[in-house]
Amino acid sequence: MIGQFSNSSITLLNWYNNPSEFRFLGLTYSSPYVVKYNGDEGGQMTYYMLCWTNPRGETAPWSPTVSAIVQI
């Protein structure tokens, strides 16, 4: 984890092939955040972005995009 501010949350997004088809994964206040996938999604490349949100609702810039292969 890069750093954490008290009472802050992280907004997580991910997509498979097209960034315009992203989906909202959720908010988290702790690490790690575990994403559960269906069996037919195994082996696919997936991409993630996140941003910090403070208690006042202010958000930081979106992170760089990172990728991973779905492990089932």
Protein backbone atom coordinates (compact mmCIF):
# COMPACT_ATOMS: atom_id res chain seq x y z
CA MET A 1 0.00 0.00 0.00
CA ILE A 2 1.38 3.38 -0.98
CA GLY A 3 0.14 5.27 2.05
CA GLN A 4 -3.03 5.75 3.98
CA PHE A 5 -4.69 8.71 5.59
CA SER A 6 -6.93 8.37 8.63
CA ASN A 7 -10.60 7.79 7.73
CA SER A 8 -9.81 7.72 4.00
CA SER A 9 -11.17 5.18 1.57
CA ILE A 10 -10.01 3.82 -1.75
CA THR A 11 -12.34 3.58 -4.75
CA LEU A 12 -11.48 0.66 -7.01
CA LEU A 13 -12.32 0.12 -10.69
CA ASN A 14 -11.41 -2.66 -13.09
CA TRP A 15 -11.99 -3.79 -16.68
CA TYR A 16 -10.85 -6.52 -19.06
CA ASN A 17 -10.19 -5.30 -22.60
CA ASN A 18 -11.79 -1.88 -22.98
CA PRO A 19 -11.31 0.91 -20.41
CA SER A 20 -14.72 2.36 -21.35
CA GLU A 21 -16.27 -0.86 -19.98
CA PHE A 22 -14.89 -0.49 -16.46
CA ARG A 23 -16.86 -1.68 -13.47
CA PHE A 24 -16.96 -0.30 -9.97
CA LEU A 25 -15.50 -2.84 -7.54
CA GLY A 26 -16.12 -1.03 -4.30
CA LEU A 27 -14.68 1.04 -1.52
CA THR A 28 -12.22 -0.20 1.03
CA TYR A 29 -10.65 1.18 4.17
CA SER A 30 -7.98 -1.50 4.51
CA SER A 31 -5.55 -3.61 2.52
CA PRO A 32 -5.59 -6.09 0.91
CA TYR A 33 -8.78 -5.81 -1.13
CA VAL A 34 -9.69 -9.24 -2.53
CA VAL A 35 -11.60 -9.42 -5.81
CA LYS A 36 -13.56 -12.62 -6.47
CA TYR A 37 -13.97 -13.78 -10.06
CA ASN A 38 -16.03 -16.50 -11.75
CA GLY A 39 -14.30 -19.63 -13.00
CA ASP A 40 -14.72 -18.64 -16.64
CA GLU A 41 -12.74 -15.43 -16.01
CA GLY A 42 -9.54 -17.28 -15.09
CA GLY A 43 -6.53 -16.52 -17.24
CA GLN A 44 -7.89 -13.21 -18.54
CA MET A 45 -5.89 -10.02 -18.25
CA THR A 46 -7.64 -7.47 -16.06
CA TYR A 47 -6.79 -3.85 -15.32
CA TYR A 48 -7.24 -1.78 -12.18
CA MET A 49 -7.25 1.87 -11.14
CA LEU A 50 -7.85 3.41 -7.75
CA CYS A 51 -8.14 6.78 -6.07
CA TRP A 52 -8.16 8.02 -2.49
CA THR A 53 -11.20 9.77 -1.05
CA ASN A 54 -10.97 11.72 2.20
CA PRO A 55 -13.78 12.17 4.77
CA ARG A 56 -14.85 15.43 3.07
CA GLY A 57 -15.47 13.56 -0.20
CA GLU A 58 -12.44 15.07 -1.94
CA THR A 59 -10.66 12.67 -4.26
CA ALA A 60 -7.03 12.36 -5.29
CA PRO A 61 -6.09 11.85 -8.95
CA TRP A 62 -6.62 8.35 -10.36
CA SER A 63 -3.66 6.01 -10.04
CA PRO A 64 -1.75 4.73 -13.04
CA THR A 65 -3.39 1.64 -14.55
CA VAL A 66 -2.01 -1.69 -13.35
CA SER A 67 -2.72 -5.11 -14.82
CA ALA A 68 -2.90 -8.68 -13.57
CA ILE A 69 -3.94 -12.09 -14.85
CA VAL A 70 -7.02 -13.46 -13.07
CA GLN A 71 -6.04 -16.45 -10.93
CA ILE A 72 -8.87 -18.85 -10.05
